[in-house]
Amino acid sequence: MWQKIKEEVKYKGWRDMLRRTFRLPNGASADFDIIRNGDYVTIAAFTKNKEAILVKQFRPGPEMELLSFPEGYVDPKESPEVAARRELEEETGYRAGKIVFQKIFRRAYSTETRICLLATDCEKIATQNLDTTEFIDVQLYPLTEFKALLADPHDQQLTTVDSGYLALNYLNW
């Protein structure tokens, strides 16, 4: 059985880096680097015309523009549903008619949880309200084009494929 022996903060910043030491089932011990941050939402958003609302933005990790559904951190004392509505409006200017919980994902080397929600009947109500480090290009994909993008084995830009399939399955599209 795995047993945590110790934990220490190795870096403190926008995302903290922890070093956790575990005793392994075979009796040996090993260190693991863990990213510590809060929970965040992914909002699989669709307009009344069945268009997927995607955002394109530069990502420092891979040093390239990536495409995703809108995402953002859940503020303290904020529900995932409230965070989803807020992030969708801030990043895209769209307001959701309905928000439905889909699934929670965990990552192997992070304390974060990614909470996937579905936003339907979205309407454009405002301009974007972005943070100073956000430069987001909102892109609408008609359902046929969105399905093709999801299934494209050569596409390396769409990062929220799982949320797309969950949403389409739920909507029976």
C-alpha atoms as a PDB file:
ATOM      1  CA  MET A   1       0.000   0.000   0.000  1.00  0.00           C
ATOM      2  CA  TRP A   2       1.180   3.539  -0.797  1.00  0.00           C
ATOM      3  CA  GLN A   3       1.953   5.743   2.218  1.00  0.00           C
ATOM      4  CA  LYS A   4       2.869   9.447   2.134  1.00  0.00           C
ATOM      5  CA  ILE A   5       6.024  10.035   4.167  1.00  0.00           C
ATOM      6  CA  LYS A   6       6.428  13.781   3.685  1.00  0.00           C
ATOM      7  CA  GLU A   7       5.429  16.765   1.602  1.00  0.00           C
ATOM      8  CA  GLU A   8       7.217  20.058   1.035  1.00  0.00           C
ATOM      9  CA  VAL A   9       6.594  23.112  -1.124  1.00  0.00           C
ATOM     10  CA  LYS A  10       9.428  23.408  -3.650  1.00  0.00           C
ATOM     11  CA  TYR A  11       8.085  26.449  -5.505  1.00  0.00           C
ATOM     12  CA  LYS A  12       5.357  28.940  -4.602  1.00  0.00           C
ATOM     13  CA  GLY A  13       3.790  30.952  -7.391  1.00  0.00           C
ATOM     14  CA  TRP A  14       0.677  31.090  -9.557  1.00  0.00           C
ATOM     15  CA  ARG A  15       0.886  27.316  -9.394  1.00  0.00           C
ATOM     16  CA  ASP A  16       2.781  25.750  -6.519  1.00  0.00           C
ATOM     17  CA  MET A  17       5.110  22.794  -6.990  1.00  0.00           C
ATOM     18  CA  LEU A  18       5.148  20.203  -4.215  1.00  0.00           C
ATOM     19  CA  ARG A  19       7.539  17.348  -3.646  1.00  0.00           C
ATOM     20  CA  ARG A  20       5.765  14.366  -2.094  1.00  0.00           C
ATOM     21  CA  THR A  21       7.671  11.351  -0.843  1.00  0.00           C
ATOM     22  CA  PHE A  22       5.809   8.043  -0.711  1.00  0.00           C
ATOM     23  CA  ARG A  23       6.647   4.612   0.619  1.00  0.00           C
ATOM     24  CA  LEU A  24       5.815   2.241  -2.229  1.00  0.00           C
ATOM     25  CA  PRO A  25       4.101  -1.150  -1.870  1.00  0.00           C
ATOM     26  CA  ASN A  26       7.494  -2.880  -2.219  1.00  0.00           C
ATOM     27  CA  GLY A  27       8.922  -0.901   0.746  1.00  0.00           C
ATOM     28  CA  ALA A  28      11.081   1.482  -1.319  1.00  0.00           C
ATOM     29  CA  SER A  29      10.463   5.238  -1.250  1.00  0.00           C
ATOM     30  CA  ALA A  30      10.143   7.648  -4.175  1.00  0.00           C
ATOM     31  CA  ASP A  31       9.701  11.405  -4.721  1.00  0.00           C
ATOM     32  CA  PHE A  32       7.025  12.848  -6.995  1.00  0.00           C
ATOM     33  CA  ASP A  33       6.639  16.457  -8.203  1.00  0.00           C
ATOM     34  CA  ILE A  34       3.022  17.591  -7.870  1.00  0.00           C
ATOM     35  CA  ILE A  35       1.361  20.755  -9.173  1.00  0.00           C
ATOM     36  CA  ARG A  36      -0.893  22.360  -6.551  1.00  0.00           C
ATOM     37  CA  ASN A  37      -3.639  24.700  -7.597  1.00  0.00           C
ATOM     38  CA  GLY A  38      -7.402  25.136  -7.260  1.00  0.00           C
ATOM     39  CA  ASP A  39     -10.278  23.512  -9.069  1.00  0.00           C
ATOM     40  CA  TYR A  40     -11.231  24.760 -12.505  1.00  0.00           C
ATOM     41  CA  VAL A  41     -14.156  24.472 -14.875  1.00  0.00           C
ATOM     42  CA  THR A  42     -14.327  23.552 -18.530  1.00  0.00           C
ATOM     43  CA  ILE A  43     -17.492  24.842 -20.179  1.00  0.00           C
ATOM     44  CA  ALA A  44     -18.656  22.877 -23.232  1.00  0.00           C
ATOM     45  CA  ALA A  45     -20.687  25.750 -24.644  1.00  0.00           C
ATOM     46  CA  PHE A  46     -23.129  25.718 -27.565  1.00  0.00           C
ATOM     47  CA  THR A  47     -25.288  28.430 -29.117  1.00  0.00           C
ATOM     48  CA  LYS A  48     -28.992  28.009 -29.852  1.00  0.00           C
ATOM     49  CA  ASN A  49     -27.910  27.219 -33.442  1.00  0.00           C
ATOM     50  CA  LYS A  50     -25.825  24.231 -32.245  1.00  0.00           C
ATOM     51  CA  GLU A  51     -22.493  25.993 -32.729  1.00  0.00           C
ATOM     52  CA  ALA A  52     -19.638  25.073 -30.398  1.00  0.00           C
ATOM     53  CA  ILE A  53     -18.102  28.143 -28.733  1.00  0.00           C
ATOM     54  CA  LEU A  54     -14.338  27.635 -28.672  1.00  0.00           C
ATOM     55  CA  VAL A  55     -11.490  29.897 -27.617  1.00  0.00           C
ATOM     56  CA  LYS A  56      -8.094  30.099 -29.266  1.00  0.00           C
ATOM     57  CA  GLN A  57      -5.189  31.418 -27.212  1.00  0.00           C
ATOM     58  CA  PHE A  58      -1.445  31.146 -26.839  1.00  0.00           C
ATOM     59  CA  ARG A  59      -0.318  28.644 -24.204  1.00  0.00           C
ATOM     60  CA  PRO A  60       3.149  29.045 -22.659  1.00  0.00           C
ATOM     61  CA  GLY A  61       3.730  25.318 -22.016  1.00  0.00           C
ATOM     62  CA  PRO A  62       3.741  24.133 -25.635  1.00  0.00           C
ATOM     63  CA  GLU A  63       4.498  27.686 -26.872  1.00  0.00           C
ATOM     64  CA  MET A  64       1.686  27.683 -29.395  1.00  0.00           C
ATOM     65  CA  GLU A  65      -1.946  28.663 -29.842  1.00  0.00           C
ATOM     66  CA  LEU A  66      -4.382  26.015 -28.689  1.00  0.00           C
ATOM     67  CA  LEU A  67      -8.130  25.670 -29.094  1.00  0.00           C
ATOM     68  CA  SER A  68     -10.458  24.722 -26.239  1.00  0.00           C
ATOM     69  CA  PHE A  69     -13.793  25.291 -24.673  1.00  0.00           C
ATOM     70  CA  PRO A  70     -13.681  28.233 -22.239  1.00  0.00           C
ATOM     71  CA  GLU A  71     -12.019  27.349 -18.927  1.00  0.00           C
ATOM     72  CA  GLY A  72     -11.214  29.067 -15.666  1.00  0.00           C
ATOM     73  CA  TYR A  73     -10.579  28.666 -11.970  1.00  0.00           C
ATOM     74  CA  VAL A  74     -13.353  28.434  -9.410  1.00  0.00           C
ATOM     75  CA  ASP A  75     -13.023  31.322  -6.960  1.00  0.00           C
ATOM     76  CA  PRO A  76     -13.189  30.632  -3.204  1.00  0.00           C
ATOM     77  CA  LYS A  77     -16.796  30.211  -2.009  1.00  0.00           C
ATOM     78  CA  GLU A  78     -18.015  30.045  -5.638  1.00  0.00           C
ATOM     79  CA  SER A  79     -19.899  27.028  -7.007  1.00  0.00           C
ATOM     80  CA  PRO A  80     -18.675  25.414 -10.244  1.00  0.00           C
ATOM     81  CA  GLU A  81     -21.911  26.477 -11.953  1.00  0.00           C
ATOM     82  CA  VAL A  82     -21.408  30.139 -10.981  1.00  0.00           C
ATOM     83  CA  ALA A  83     -17.758  29.932 -12.088  1.00  0.00           C
ATOM     84  CA  ALA A  84     -18.830  28.445 -15.428  1.00  0.00           C
ATOM     85  CA  ARG A  85     -21.296  31.259 -16.090  1.00  0.00           C
ATOM     86  CA  ARG A  86     -18.738  33.900 -15.069  1.00  0.00           C
ATOM     87  CA  GLU A  87     -15.875  32.449 -17.120  1.00  0.00           C
ATOM     88  CA  LEU A  88     -18.061  31.934 -20.196  1.00  0.00           C
ATOM     89  CA  GLU A  89     -19.190  35.566 -20.127  1.00  0.00           C
ATOM     90  CA  GLU A  90     -15.717  36.970 -19.361  1.00  0.00           C
ATOM     91  CA  GLU A  91     -13.879  34.971 -22.029  1.00  0.00           C
ATOM     92  CA  THR A  92     -16.493  34.978 -24.807  1.00  0.00           C
ATOM     93  CA  GLY A  93     -19.240  37.517 -24.091  1.00  0.00           C
ATOM     94  CA  TYR A  94     -21.817  34.689 -24.231  1.00  0.00           C
ATOM     95  CA  ARG A  95     -24.426  33.932 -21.562  1.00  0.00           C
ATOM     96  CA  ALA A  96     -25.628  30.376 -21.037  1.00  0.00           C
ATOM     97  CA  GLY A  97     -29.323  29.565 -21.025  1.00  0.00           C
ATOM     98  CA  LYS A  98     -28.736  26.369 -19.062  1.00  0.00           C
ATOM     99  CA  ILE A  99     -25.737  24.846 -17.246  1.00  0.00           C
ATOM    100  CA  VAL A 100     -25.512  21.083 -16.637  1.00  0.00           C
ATOM    101  CA  PHE A 101     -22.823  19.261 -14.635  1.00  0.00           C
ATOM    102  CA  GLN A 102     -21.025  16.610 -16.717  1.00  0.00           C
ATOM    103  CA  LYS A 103     -18.027  15.055 -14.955  1.00  0.00           C
ATOM    104  CA  ILE A 104     -15.003  15.651 -12.728  1.00  0.00           C
ATOM    105  CA  PHE A 105     -11.532  14.728 -13.990  1.00  0.00           C
ATOM    106  CA  ARG A 106      -8.395  14.299 -11.887  1.00  0.00           C
ATOM    107  CA  ARG A 107      -4.820  14.432 -13.150  1.00  0.00           C
ATOM    108  CA  ALA A 108      -2.015  12.089 -12.155  1.00  0.00           C
ATOM    109  CA  TYR A 109       0.479  14.704 -10.912  1.00  0.00           C
ATOM    110  CA  SER A 110      -1.745  17.558  -9.787  1.00  0.00           C
ATOM    111  CA  THR A 111      -4.102  18.375  -6.924  1.00  0.00           C
ATOM    112  CA  GLU A 112      -6.406  20.185  -9.379  1.00  0.00           C
ATOM    113  CA  THR A 113      -9.795  18.871 -10.374  1.00  0.00           C
ATOM    114  CA  ARG A 114     -11.263  19.786 -13.738  1.00  0.00           C
ATOM    115  CA  ILE A 115     -15.023  20.126 -13.499  1.00  0.00           C
ATOM    116  CA  CYS A 116     -16.730  19.763 -16.868  1.00  0.00           C
ATOM    117  CA  LEU A 117     -20.042  21.498 -17.384  1.00  0.00           C
ATOM    118  CA  LEU A 118     -22.302  21.877 -20.401  1.00  0.00           C
ATOM    119  CA  ALA A 119     -23.725  25.283 -21.340  1.00  0.00           C
ATOM    120  CA  THR A 120     -26.609  25.316 -23.810  1.00  0.00           C
ATOM    121  CA  ASP A 121     -28.692  27.990 -25.534  1.00  0.00           C
ATOM    122  CA  CYS A 122     -25.819  30.469 -25.265  1.00  0.00           C
ATOM    123  CA  GLU A 123     -26.386  33.994 -26.579  1.00  0.00           C
ATOM    124  CA  LYS A 124     -23.926  36.813 -27.225  1.00  0.00           C
ATOM    125  CA  ILE A 125     -24.707  39.555 -24.700  1.00  0.00           C
ATOM    126  CA  ALA A 126     -21.474  41.508 -24.223  1.00  0.00           C
ATOM    127  CA  THR A 127     -17.892  42.011 -25.270  1.00  0.00           C
ATOM    128  CA  GLN A 128     -15.113  40.003 -23.674  1.00  0.00           C
ATOM    129  CA  ASN A 129     -13.859  41.052 -20.239  1.00  0.00           C
ATOM    130  CA  LEU A 130     -10.350  39.577 -20.233  1.00  0.00           C
ATOM    131  CA  ASP A 131      -7.532  39.549 -17.694  1.00  0.00           C
ATOM    132  CA  THR A 132      -4.396  41.486 -18.665  1.00  0.00           C
ATOM    133  CA  THR A 133      -2.619  38.260 -19.695  1.00  0.00           C
ATOM    134  CA  GLU A 134      -5.533  36.871 -21.741  1.00  0.00           C
ATOM    135  CA  PHE A 135      -5.697  37.349 -25.504  1.00  0.00           C
ATOM    136  CA  ILE A 136      -8.584  35.173 -26.649  1.00  0.00           C
ATOM    137  CA  ASP A 137     -10.007  34.701 -30.126  1.00  0.00           C
ATOM    138  CA  VAL A 138     -13.587  33.345 -29.881  1.00  0.00           C
ATOM    139  CA  GLN A 139     -14.452  30.904 -32.661  1.00  0.00           C
ATOM    140  CA  LEU A 140     -17.834  29.382 -33.473  1.00  0.00           C
ATOM    141  CA  TYR A 141     -17.893  25.919 -35.019  1.00  0.00           C
ATOM    142  CA  PRO A 142     -21.116  24.651 -36.613  1.00  0.00           C
ATOM    143  CA  LEU A 143     -21.983  21.189 -35.292  1.00  0.00           C
ATOM    144  CA  THR A 144     -20.764  19.319 -38.392  1.00  0.00           C
ATOM    145  CA  GLU A 145     -17.402  21.114 -38.352  1.00  0.00           C
ATOM    146  CA  PHE A 146     -17.069  20.629 -34.594  1.00  0.00           C
ATOM    147  CA  LYS A 147     -17.664  16.878 -34.896  1.00  0.00           C
ATOM    148  CA  ALA A 148     -15.054  16.703 -37.655  1.00  0.00           C
ATOM    149  CA  LEU A 149     -12.575  18.608 -35.472  1.00  0.00           C
ATOM    150  CA  LEU A 150     -13.178  16.223 -32.547  1.00  0.00           C
ATOM    151  CA  ALA A 151     -12.576  13.175 -34.728  1.00  0.00           C
ATOM    152  CA  ASP A 152      -9.570  14.546 -36.657  1.00  0.00           C
ATOM    153  CA  PRO A 153      -6.619  12.290 -35.686  1.00  0.00           C
ATOM    154  CA  HIS A 154      -4.137  14.887 -36.965  1.00  0.00           C
ATOM    155  CA  ASP A 155      -5.483  17.852 -34.982  1.00  0.00           C
ATOM    156  CA  GLN A 156      -3.144  18.800 -32.138  1.00  0.00           C
ATOM    157  CA  GLN A 157      -4.772  22.077 -31.131  1.00  0.00           C
ATOM    158  CA  LEU A 158      -8.074  21.066 -29.496  1.00  0.00           C
ATOM    159  CA  THR A 159      -7.372  20.349 -25.818  1.00  0.00           C
ATOM    160  CA  THR A 160     -10.893  19.642 -24.553  1.00  0.00           C
ATOM    161  CA  VAL A 161     -11.866  16.697 -26.773  1.00  0.00           C
ATOM    162  CA  ASP A 162     -13.213  14.731 -23.798  1.00  0.00           C
ATOM    163  CA  SER A 163     -15.612  17.540 -22.853  1.00  0.00           C
ATOM    164  CA  GLY A 164     -16.805  17.725 -26.446  1.00  0.00           C
ATOM    165  CA  TYR A 165     -17.681  14.051 -26.577  1.00  0.00           C
ATOM    166  CA  LEU A 166     -19.374  14.187 -23.161  1.00  0.00           C
ATOM    167  CA  ALA A 167     -21.502  17.120 -24.311  1.00  0.00           C
ATOM    168  CA  LEU A 168     -22.479  15.560 -27.640  1.00  0.00           C
ATOM    169  CA  ASN A 169     -23.393  12.300 -25.912  1.00  0.00           C
ATOM    170  CA  TYR A 170     -25.535  14.118 -23.325  1.00  0.00           C
ATOM    171  CA  LEU A 171     -27.260  16.204 -26.006  1.00  0.00           C
ATOM    172  CA  ASN A 172     -27.718  13.123 -28.206  1.00  0.00           C
ATOM    173  CA  TRP A 173     -26.148  15.035 -31.117  1.00  0.00           C
END
